[in-house]
Protein backbone atom coordinates (compact mmCIF):
# COMPACT_ATOMS: atom_id res chain seq x y z
CA UNK A 1 -83.17 -21.71 96.45
CA UNK A 2 -83.14 -25.66 97.21
CA UNK A 3 -86.22 -27.97 97.03
CA UNK A 4 -89.61 -26.26 96.40
CA UNK A 5 -93.05 -27.61 96.62
CA UNK A 6 -95.06 -25.77 94.04
CA UNK A 7 -97.82 -27.61 95.12
CA UNK A 8 -98.14 -26.04 97.85
CA UNK A 9 -99.08 -22.93 95.76
CA UNK A 10 -100.49 -24.02 92.92
CA UNK A 11 -104.22 -24.59 94.75
CA UNK A 12 -103.89 -20.68 95.60
CA UNK A 13 -103.06 -19.24 91.88
CA UNK A 14 -105.85 -21.68 90.22
CA UNK A 15 -108.19 -19.75 92.74
CA UNK A 16 -106.69 -16.00 92.19
CA UNK A 17 -107.43 -16.81 87.85
CA UNK A 18 -103.83 -15.31 87.42
CA UNK A 19 -100.96 -17.17 85.02
CA UNK A 20 -97.74 -16.86 85.25
CA UNK A 21 -94.73 -18.83 83.44
CA UNK A 22 -92.92 -21.47 84.77
CA UNK A 23 -90.03 -19.63 86.47
CA UNK A 24 -92.19 -16.83 88.09
CA UNK A 25 -94.50 -19.94 89.36
CA UNK A 26 -91.12 -21.47 90.40
CA UNK A 27 -90.16 -18.52 92.36
CA UNK A 28 -93.79 -18.23 94.00
CA UNK A 29 -93.27 -21.09 95.19
CA UNK A 30 -90.69 -20.94 96.74
CA UNK A 31 -91.27 -17.89 98.33
CA UNK A 32 -94.47 -19.08 99.72
CA UNK A 33 -92.83 -22.29 101.52
CA UNK A 34 -89.68 -19.90 102.93
CA UNK A 35 -92.63 -17.65 104.42
CA UNK A 36 -94.62 -21.05 105.51
CA UNK A 37 -91.15 -22.23 106.98
CA UNK A 38 -90.96 -19.18 109.31
CA UNK A 39 -93.79 -19.35 111.26
CA UNK A 40 -92.15 -22.33 112.13
CA UNK A 41 -95.50 -23.71 113.64
CA UNK A 42 -97.41 -25.77 111.16
CA UNK A 43 -100.92 -25.06 112.99
CA UNK A 44 -101.50 -21.95 111.41
CA UNK A 45 -105.66 -21.86 110.34
CA UNK A 46 -105.70 -22.44 106.47
CA UNK A 47 -106.90 -19.02 106.20
CA UNK A 48 -103.43 -17.49 107.17
CA UNK A 49 -101.82 -19.59 104.74
CA UNK A 50 -103.75 -18.25 102.28
CA UNK A 51 -103.44 -14.58 102.98
CA UNK A 52 -99.91 -15.56 102.81
CA UNK A 53 -100.34 -16.44 99.17
CA UNK A 54 -102.52 -13.64 97.96
CA UNK A 55 -99.92 -11.68 99.12
CA UNK A 56 -97.28 -13.14 97.58
CA UNK A 57 -99.80 -13.16 93.80
CA UNK A 58 -100.21 -9.89 94.58
CA UNK A 59 -96.75 -8.93 94.56
CA UNK A 60 -96.13 -11.35 91.32
CA UNK A 61 -99.10 -9.67 89.59
CA UNK A 62 -97.38 -6.09 90.11
CA UNK A 63 -94.48 -7.41 88.79
CA UNK A 64 -92.11 -8.45 91.52
CA UNK A 65 -89.68 -11.57 90.94
CA UNK A 66 -87.27 -11.58 94.33
CA UNK A 67 -87.78 -14.47 95.83
CA UNK A 68 -86.82 -12.91 99.59
CA UNK A 69 -88.87 -9.62 98.28
CA UNK A 70 -91.57 -12.36 97.57
CA UNK A 71 -91.47 -13.85 100.72
CA UNK A 72 -91.34 -10.76 102.70
CA UNK A 73 -94.54 -9.68 101.02
CA UNK A 74 -96.45 -12.95 102.24
CA UNK A 75 -95.20 -12.69 106.23
CA UNK A 76 -96.52 -8.73 106.44
CA UNK A 77 -100.00 -11.23 105.60
CA UNK A 78 -98.79 -12.50 109.86
CA UNK A 79 -96.99 -9.67 111.01
CA UNK A 80 -93.62 -10.18 109.92
CA UNK A 81 -91.23 -8.33 107.79
CA UNK A 82 -88.98 -11.08 106.64
CA UNK A 83 -88.04 -14.94 107.77
CA UNK A 84 -86.10 -14.37 110.78
CA UNK A 85 -89.40 -15.11 112.91
CA UNK A 86 -89.15 -11.64 114.53
CA UNK A 87 -91.82 -8.77 114.18
CA UNK A 88 -92.73 -5.98 111.83
CA UNK A 89 -91.74 -2.73 113.54
């Protein structure tokens, strides 16, 4: 999974008011980081990152625990379906 910066998704989790165990929080952090890396542009407006985080959190709330599927759920916020940078069809 590589290095995960949990601090990047934690503010969004706190804002959502949902509590996850450490393992799930780590998976969500990895999914968020990978989704952000897939954008290949750190100059996105804050709302883009918030939308990505919200979709990841919603998917995790609904029981999803797979990092790739969580990442892809986040990327649907910006019209991407995976970390390959291709538009969803």
